[in-house]
Protein backbone atom coordinates (compact mmCIF):
# COMPACT_ATOMS: atom_id res chain seq x y z
CA MET A 1 115.22 108.01 115.38
CA MET A 2 117.93 105.63 114.13
CA HIS A 3 117.49 103.81 110.77
CA ASN A 4 117.11 100.03 111.57
CA PRO A 5 118.94 98.18 108.47
CA ALA A 6 117.19 94.96 109.36
CA ILE A 7 113.82 96.59 108.50
CA SER A 8 113.43 96.67 104.43
CA PRO A 9 112.44 99.82 102.94
CA LEU A 10 110.94 97.76 100.32
CA PRO A 11 107.16 97.74 99.95
CA VAL A 12 105.76 94.80 101.98
CA LEU A 13 104.36 91.68 100.29
CA TRP A 14 101.35 90.85 102.51
CA THR A 15 101.01 87.20 101.83
CA ASN A 16 98.03 85.40 103.67
CA GLU A 17 100.47 84.00 106.31
CA LEU A 18 101.73 87.40 106.97
CA ILE A 19 98.07 88.52 107.42
CA VAL A 20 97.17 86.15 109.58
CA HIS A 21 100.07 86.50 111.82
CA PHE A 22 99.56 90.51 111.78
CA ALA A 23 95.77 89.85 112.64
CA GLY A 24 96.74 87.47 115.71
CA LEU A 25 99.03 90.36 116.86
CA TRP A 26 96.46 92.88 116.47
CA VAL A 27 93.46 91.07 118.24
CA SER A 28 95.83 90.12 121.22
CA GLY A 29 96.09 94.06 121.88
CA ARG A 30 99.80 94.37 120.34
CA THR A 31 100.67 97.98 119.43
CA THR A 32 101.50 98.94 115.67
CA SER A 33 104.81 99.33 116.86
CA GLU A 34 105.17 95.78 118.66
CA ILE A 35 103.73 94.21 115.57
CA ALA A 36 106.32 96.08 113.13
CA LYS A 37 108.92 94.63 115.41
CA ALA A 38 107.33 91.20 115.64
CA LEU A 39 106.86 90.93 111.42
CA ASN A 40 110.29 92.73 110.96
CA ILE A 41 108.54 95.58 108.82
CA SER A 42 108.11 99.21 109.26
CA ARG A 43 105.43 100.82 111.63
CA SER A 44 104.03 102.55 108.45
CA ALA A 45 103.23 99.20 106.88
CA VAL A 46 101.29 97.97 109.74
CA VAL A 47 99.52 101.25 109.78
CA GLY A 48 98.48 101.10 106.25
CA LYS A 49 97.29 97.36 106.72
CA VAL A 50 95.48 98.43 109.71
CA LYS A 51 93.49 101.05 107.59
CA SER A 52 93.35 98.87 104.61
CA LEU A 53 91.58 96.28 106.87
CA ARG A 54 89.65 98.30 109.09
CA PRO A 55 86.42 98.90 107.18
CA GLU A 56 86.16 95.00 106.51
CA TYR A 57 87.08 93.83 109.91
CA ALA A 58 85.98 96.55 112.36
CA THR A 59 85.78 94.56 115.39
CA ALA A 60 87.87 92.26 117.24
CA SER A 61 85.52 89.24 116.71
CA GLN A 62 85.42 89.75 112.92
CA MET A 63 89.21 89.74 112.72
CA HIS A 64 89.03 86.38 115.08
CA ARG A 65 86.90 84.74 112.06
CA TYR A 66 89.33 86.24 109.72
CA VAL A 67 92.23 84.65 111.24
CA GLU A 68 90.09 81.18 111.69
CA ASN A 69 89.04 81.15 108.16
CA ALA A 70 92.71 81.83 106.58
CA GLN A 71 94.12 79.04 108.97
CA ALA A 72 91.41 76.41 107.97
């Protein structure tokens, strides 16, 4: 696997905007790899965010509500 210098090795600062973008991609059925590429972050960062949000947003409908509320 080659290192992609376009992806920052630094920790990701998960702003509300980034979480909303992530959530929209997640509920649309994108894979963690596709989300990482779209957000220009590591797949590990995406997996970590999925794990941290999973208990709170266990279903797609709950994640949809999160996105809608965050955009309001």
